């Protein structure tokens, strides 16, 4: 994470934003494209999208209360796969919203959706799917999702995977098999 000021702002202001009741509520954060976010084409750098999405996942963790058991148990957030589709550019000083929500989960990992939406419009600049989990370094394994949900007082079953989530997970499995011999 190389956006320390944005991270500190996120943590310091989290108490002012409403609690996120996982698994079906979402995080929404407002940002602006600053000069240090630009690439040589003078729009939001494609790598910056991924870094901003880290903040969306962090906001979900903080405002749902999951950060307490994460810190207490020393769990580490790990992204294992991601896919993004860029649809419209975000220009200098343009405001935009980052929406982050859970779509699906299995025994140890969740699939989240990130949408970057030009502020004041319905125009989606980019949409991404990310597969992630919390890793327990002591046990050298991912923490079961049901344990994460229990830690924040939630009992829920994963929604059925949509066709785009199925395709995303299938692509990840295919790539994992292709690189298994490495």
C-alpha atoms as a PDB file:
ATOM      1  CA  UNK A   1       0.000   0.000   0.000  1.00  0.00           C
ATOM      2  CA  UNK A   2       1.681   3.187  -1.112  1.00  0.00           C
ATOM      3  CA  UNK A   3      -1.082   5.665  -0.379  1.00  0.00           C
ATOM      4  CA  UNK A   4      -0.287   6.319   3.264  1.00  0.00           C
ATOM      5  CA  UNK A   5      -2.144   9.622   3.580  1.00  0.00           C
ATOM      6  CA  UNK A   6      -5.302   8.151   2.109  1.00  0.00           C
ATOM      7  CA  UNK A   7      -4.970   5.138   4.412  1.00  0.00           C
ATOM      8  CA  UNK A   8      -4.504   7.339   7.480  1.00  0.00           C
ATOM      9  CA  UNK A   9      -7.499   9.438   6.418  1.00  0.00           C
ATOM     10  CA  UNK A  10      -9.565   6.270   5.983  1.00  0.00           C
ATOM     11  CA  UNK A  11      -8.696   4.995   9.461  1.00  0.00           C
ATOM     12  CA  UNK A  12      -9.100   8.374  11.172  1.00  0.00           C
ATOM     13  CA  UNK A  13     -12.528   9.034   9.651  1.00  0.00           C
ATOM     14  CA  UNK A  14     -13.995   5.517   9.764  1.00  0.00           C
ATOM     15  CA  UNK A  15     -15.951   6.286  12.956  1.00  0.00           C
ATOM     16  CA  UNK A  16     -17.902   8.996  11.074  1.00  0.00           C
ATOM     17  CA  UNK A  17     -19.176   6.603   8.424  1.00  0.00           C
ATOM     18  CA  UNK A  18     -21.949   4.079   9.172  1.00  0.00           C
ATOM     19  CA  UNK A  19     -21.183   0.510  10.149  1.00  0.00           C
ATOM     20  CA  UNK A  20     -21.109  -1.991   7.294  1.00  0.00           C
ATOM     21  CA  UNK A  21     -23.251  -5.023   7.994  1.00  0.00           C
ATOM     22  CA  UNK A  22     -21.555  -7.799   6.088  1.00  0.00           C
ATOM     23  CA  UNK A  23     -22.081  -9.822   4.049  1.00  0.00           C
ATOM     24  CA  UNK A  24     -24.603  -7.836   2.003  1.00  0.00           C
ATOM     25  CA  UNK A  25     -23.850  -4.147   2.642  1.00  0.00           C
ATOM     26  CA  UNK A  26     -21.149  -2.344   0.689  1.00  0.00           C
ATOM     27  CA  UNK A  27     -18.440   0.250   1.258  1.00  0.00           C
ATOM     28  CA  UNK A  28     -18.566   3.509  -0.653  1.00  0.00           C
ATOM     29  CA  UNK A  29     -15.636   5.920  -0.562  1.00  0.00           C
ATOM     30  CA  UNK A  30     -15.195   9.232  -2.403  1.00  0.00           C
ATOM     31  CA  UNK A  31     -11.790  10.043  -3.892  1.00  0.00           C
ATOM     32  CA  UNK A  32     -10.331  12.543  -6.317  1.00  0.00           C
ATOM     33  CA  UNK A  33      -7.679  11.991  -8.997  1.00  0.00           C
ATOM     34  CA  UNK A  34      -4.596  13.899  -7.856  1.00  0.00           C
ATOM     35  CA  UNK A  35      -1.505  14.661  -9.963  1.00  0.00           C
ATOM     36  CA  UNK A  36       0.496  11.867  -8.293  1.00  0.00           C
ATOM     37  CA  UNK A  37      -2.200   9.388  -9.459  1.00  0.00           C
ATOM     38  CA  UNK A  38      -1.635  10.138 -13.157  1.00  0.00           C
ATOM     39  CA  UNK A  39       0.267   8.262 -15.821  1.00  0.00           C
ATOM     40  CA  UNK A  40       1.829   9.722 -18.970  1.00  0.00           C
ATOM     41  CA  UNK A  41      -1.599   9.828 -20.659  1.00  0.00           C
ATOM     42  CA  UNK A  42      -2.753  12.174 -17.888  1.00  0.00           C
ATOM     43  CA  UNK A  43      -5.457   9.926 -16.514  1.00  0.00           C
ATOM     44  CA  UNK A  44      -5.630   7.649 -13.463  1.00  0.00           C
ATOM     45  CA  UNK A  45      -2.779   5.155 -13.696  1.00  0.00           C
ATOM     46  CA  UNK A  46      -3.973   1.570 -14.155  1.00  0.00           C
ATOM     47  CA  UNK A  47      -1.867   0.391 -11.203  1.00  0.00           C
ATOM     48  CA  UNK A  48      -3.433   3.056  -8.963  1.00  0.00           C
ATOM     49  CA  UNK A  49      -6.844   1.433  -9.444  1.00  0.00           C
ATOM     50  CA  UNK A  50      -5.570  -1.694  -7.679  1.00  0.00           C
ATOM     51  CA  UNK A  51      -4.057   0.319  -4.842  1.00  0.00           C
ATOM     52  CA  UNK A  52      -7.275   2.245  -4.298  1.00  0.00           C
ATOM     53  CA  UNK A  53      -9.165  -1.041  -4.187  1.00  0.00           C
ATOM     54  CA  UNK A  54      -6.969  -2.003  -1.220  1.00  0.00           C
ATOM     55  CA  UNK A  55      -8.576   0.928   0.576  1.00  0.00           C
ATOM     56  CA  UNK A  56     -12.059  -0.345  -0.264  1.00  0.00           C
ATOM     57  CA  UNK A  57     -11.252  -3.731   1.252  1.00  0.00           C
ATOM     58  CA  UNK A  58      -9.684  -2.043   4.274  1.00  0.00           C
ATOM     59  CA  UNK A  59     -12.816   0.056   4.756  1.00  0.00           C
ATOM     60  CA  UNK A  60     -14.972  -3.098   4.664  1.00  0.00           C
ATOM     61  CA  UNK A  61     -12.773  -4.662   7.325  1.00  0.00           C
ATOM     62  CA  UNK A  62     -12.754  -1.631   9.606  1.00  0.00           C
ATOM     63  CA  UNK A  63     -16.419  -0.651   9.383  1.00  0.00           C
ATOM     64  CA  UNK A  64     -17.698  -4.233   9.718  1.00  0.00           C
ATOM     65  CA  UNK A  65     -15.645  -4.740  12.898  1.00  0.00           C
ATOM     66  CA  UNK A  66     -13.571  -7.494  11.311  1.00  0.00           C
ATOM     67  CA  UNK A  67     -10.391  -5.519  12.006  1.00  0.00           C
ATOM     68  CA  UNK A  68     -10.541  -6.466  15.707  1.00  0.00           C
ATOM     69  CA  UNK A  69     -10.210 -10.251  15.227  1.00  0.00           C
ATOM     70  CA  UNK A  70      -7.749  -9.660  12.369  1.00  0.00           C
ATOM     71  CA  UNK A  71      -5.419  -7.731  14.682  1.00  0.00           C
ATOM     72  CA  UNK A  72      -6.047  -9.973  17.700  1.00  0.00           C
ATOM     73  CA  UNK A  73      -5.196 -13.136  15.743  1.00  0.00           C
ATOM     74  CA  UNK A  74      -2.472 -11.695  13.528  1.00  0.00           C
ATOM     75  CA  UNK A  75      -4.284 -12.634  10.324  1.00  0.00           C
ATOM     76  CA  UNK A  76      -2.964 -11.171   7.090  1.00  0.00           C
ATOM     77  CA  UNK A  77      -5.173 -10.119   4.156  1.00  0.00           C
ATOM     78  CA  UNK A  78      -4.037 -11.827   0.950  1.00  0.00           C
ATOM     79  CA  UNK A  79      -5.346 -11.252  -2.573  1.00  0.00           C
ATOM     80  CA  UNK A  80      -4.997 -14.424  -4.640  1.00  0.00           C
ATOM     81  CA  UNK A  81      -6.560 -13.295  -7.944  1.00  0.00           C
ATOM     82  CA  UNK A  82      -7.897 -10.201  -9.640  1.00  0.00           C
ATOM     83  CA  UNK A  83      -9.408  -9.159 -12.933  1.00  0.00           C
ATOM     84  CA  UNK A  84     -10.290  -5.648 -14.033  1.00  0.00           C
ATOM     85  CA  UNK A  85     -12.128  -4.065 -16.948  1.00  0.00           C
ATOM     86  CA  UNK A  86     -11.394  -0.424 -17.687  1.00  0.00           C
ATOM     87  CA  UNK A  87     -14.368   1.302 -19.287  1.00  0.00           C
ATOM     88  CA  UNK A  88     -13.805   5.081 -19.046  1.00  0.00           C
ATOM     89  CA  UNK A  89     -10.846   7.190 -18.028  1.00  0.00           C
ATOM     90  CA  UNK A  90     -10.707   9.236 -14.853  1.00  0.00           C
ATOM     91  CA  UNK A  91      -9.115  12.631 -15.532  1.00  0.00           C
ATOM     92  CA  UNK A  92      -7.092  14.953 -13.265  1.00  0.00           C
ATOM     93  CA  UNK A  93      -9.029  16.319 -10.277  1.00  0.00           C
ATOM     94  CA  UNK A  94     -12.113  14.297 -11.188  1.00  0.00           C
ATOM     95  CA  UNK A  95     -14.040  12.975  -8.191  1.00  0.00           C
ATOM     96  CA  UNK A  96     -15.104   9.337  -8.169  1.00  0.00           C
ATOM     97  CA  UNK A  97     -16.658   6.788  -5.850  1.00  0.00           C
ATOM     98  CA  UNK A  98     -15.174   3.410  -5.049  1.00  0.00           C
ATOM     99  CA  UNK A  99     -17.823   0.831  -4.166  1.00  0.00           C
ATOM    100  CA  UNK A 100     -16.707  -2.475  -2.666  1.00  0.00           C
ATOM    101  CA  UNK A 101     -18.926  -5.445  -1.849  1.00  0.00           C
ATOM    102  CA  UNK A 102     -18.820  -9.187  -1.285  1.00  0.00           C
ATOM    103  CA  UNK A 103     -20.326 -11.262  -4.076  1.00  0.00           C
ATOM    104  CA  UNK A 104     -19.553 -14.857  -3.164  1.00  0.00           C
ATOM    105  CA  UNK A 105     -17.402 -17.019  -0.910  1.00  0.00           C
ATOM    106  CA  UNK A 106     -16.225 -20.560  -0.488  1.00  0.00           C
ATOM    107  CA  UNK A 107     -14.650 -22.251   2.527  1.00  0.00           C
ATOM    108  CA  UNK A 108     -11.638 -19.939   2.802  1.00  0.00           C
ATOM    109  CA  UNK A 109     -11.844 -17.095   0.281  1.00  0.00           C
ATOM    110  CA  UNK A 110     -14.250 -14.375  -0.785  1.00  0.00           C
ATOM    111  CA  UNK A 111     -14.889 -12.787  -4.148  1.00  0.00           C
ATOM    112  CA  UNK A 112     -15.352  -9.022  -4.003  1.00  0.00           C
ATOM    113  CA  UNK A 113     -16.451  -6.544  -6.599  1.00  0.00           C
ATOM    114  CA  UNK A 114     -14.941  -3.067  -6.882  1.00  0.00           C
ATOM    115  CA  UNK A 115     -16.602  -0.382  -8.971  1.00  0.00           C
ATOM    116  CA  UNK A 116     -15.053   3.007  -9.650  1.00  0.00           C
ATOM    117  CA  UNK A 117     -17.849   5.368 -10.641  1.00  0.00           C
ATOM    118  CA  UNK A 118     -17.460   8.959 -11.835  1.00  0.00           C
ATOM    119  CA  UNK A 119     -18.968  11.129  -9.090  1.00  0.00           C
ATOM    120  CA  UNK A 120     -22.441  12.461  -9.753  1.00  0.00           C
ATOM    121  CA  UNK A 121     -23.053  10.012 -12.595  1.00  0.00           C
ATOM    122  CA  UNK A 122     -23.789   6.351 -13.149  1.00  0.00           C
ATOM    123  CA  UNK A 123     -20.724   6.044 -15.391  1.00  0.00           C
ATOM    124  CA  UNK A 124     -18.570   3.095 -14.361  1.00  0.00           C
ATOM    125  CA  UNK A 125     -14.921   3.892 -15.051  1.00  0.00           C
ATOM    126  CA  UNK A 126     -13.695   0.433 -14.038  1.00  0.00           C
ATOM    127  CA  UNK A 127     -15.020  -2.750 -12.518  1.00  0.00           C
ATOM    128  CA  UNK A 128     -12.931  -5.472 -10.922  1.00  0.00           C
ATOM    129  CA  UNK A 129     -13.343  -8.829  -9.243  1.00  0.00           C
ATOM    130  CA  UNK A 130     -10.881  -9.855  -6.559  1.00  0.00           C
ATOM    131  CA  UNK A 131     -10.489 -13.161  -4.742  1.00  0.00           C
ATOM    132  CA  UNK A 132      -9.016 -12.739  -1.272  1.00  0.00           C
ATOM    133  CA  UNK A 133      -8.795 -14.309   2.135  1.00  0.00           C
ATOM    134  CA  UNK A 134      -7.257 -13.838   5.542  1.00  0.00           C
ATOM    135  CA  UNK A 135      -4.136 -15.895   6.101  1.00  0.00           C
ATOM    136  CA  UNK A 136      -3.141 -17.303   9.481  1.00  0.00           C
ATOM    137  CA  UNK A 137       0.658 -17.360   9.429  1.00  0.00           C
ATOM    138  CA  UNK A 138       0.881 -19.459  12.598  1.00  0.00           C
ATOM    139  CA  UNK A 139      -1.246 -22.235  11.106  1.00  0.00           C
ATOM    140  CA  UNK A 140       0.014 -21.616   7.568  1.00  0.00           C
ATOM    141  CA  UNK A 141      -3.506 -21.697   6.170  1.00  0.00           C
ATOM    142  CA  UNK A 142      -6.378 -19.454   5.217  1.00  0.00           C
ATOM    143  CA  UNK A 143      -8.940 -18.689   7.917  1.00  0.00           C
ATOM    144  CA  UNK A 144     -12.311 -20.330   7.179  1.00  0.00           C
ATOM    145  CA  UNK A 145     -14.890 -17.765   6.048  1.00  0.00           C
ATOM    146  CA  UNK A 146     -17.456 -19.086   8.526  1.00  0.00           C
ATOM    147  CA  UNK A 147     -14.978 -18.221  11.309  1.00  0.00           C
ATOM    148  CA  UNK A 148     -14.616 -14.689   9.940  1.00  0.00           C
ATOM    149  CA  UNK A 149     -18.388 -14.288   9.842  1.00  0.00           C
ATOM    150  CA  UNK A 150     -18.744 -15.662  13.382  1.00  0.00           C
ATOM    151  CA  UNK A 151     -16.102 -13.190  14.581  1.00  0.00           C
ATOM    152  CA  UNK A 152     -18.407 -10.317  13.581  1.00  0.00           C
ATOM    153  CA  UNK A 153     -21.629 -12.037  14.667  1.00  0.00           C
ATOM    154  CA  UNK A 154     -22.901 -13.031  11.232  1.00  0.00           C
ATOM    155  CA  UNK A 155     -24.423 -16.296  10.109  1.00  0.00           C
ATOM    156  CA  UNK A 156     -24.936 -16.331   6.355  1.00  0.00           C
ATOM    157  CA  UNK A 157     -24.647 -18.576   3.352  1.00  0.00           C
ATOM    158  CA  UNK A 158     -22.855 -17.460   0.230  1.00  0.00           C
ATOM    159  CA  UNK A 159     -25.035 -16.212  -2.590  1.00  0.00           C
ATOM    160  CA  UNK A 160     -25.039 -18.356  -5.711  1.00  0.00           C
ATOM    161  CA  UNK A 161     -22.089 -17.444  -7.927  1.00  0.00           C
ATOM    162  CA  UNK A 162     -23.164 -15.305 -10.865  1.00  0.00           C
ATOM    163  CA  UNK A 163     -21.925 -16.222 -14.363  1.00  0.00           C
ATOM    164  CA  UNK A 164     -19.199 -13.553 -14.189  1.00  0.00           C
ATOM    165  CA  UNK A 165     -17.997 -14.850 -10.797  1.00  0.00           C
ATOM    166  CA  UNK A 166     -17.967 -18.420 -12.166  1.00  0.00           C
ATOM    167  CA  UNK A 167     -15.929 -17.290 -15.187  1.00  0.00           C
ATOM    168  CA  UNK A 168     -13.522 -15.370 -12.936  1.00  0.00           C
ATOM    169  CA  UNK A 169     -12.986 -18.359 -10.635  1.00  0.00           C
ATOM    170  CA  UNK A 170     -12.623 -20.712 -13.594  1.00  0.00           C
ATOM    171  CA  UNK A 171      -9.970 -18.466 -15.169  1.00  0.00           C
ATOM    172  CA  UNK A 172      -8.081 -18.447 -11.869  1.00  0.00           C
ATOM    173  CA  UNK A 173      -8.216 -22.241 -11.649  1.00  0.00           C
ATOM    174  CA  UNK A 174      -7.004 -22.560 -15.232  1.00  0.00           C
ATOM    175  CA  UNK A 175      -4.061 -20.254 -14.589  1.00  0.00           C
ATOM    176  CA  UNK A 176      -3.228 -22.073 -11.325  1.00  0.00           C
ATOM    177  CA  UNK A 177      -3.130 -25.410 -13.168  1.00  0.00           C
ATOM    178  CA  UNK A 178      -1.002 -23.915 -15.959  1.00  0.00           C
ATOM    179  CA  UNK A 179       1.604 -22.690 -13.460  1.00  0.00           C
ATOM    180  CA  UNK A 180       1.440 -25.659 -11.064  1.00  0.00           C
ATOM    181  CA  UNK A 181       4.699 -27.093 -12.373  1.00  0.00           C
ATOM    182  CA  UNK A 182       6.643 -23.850 -11.754  1.00  0.00           C
END
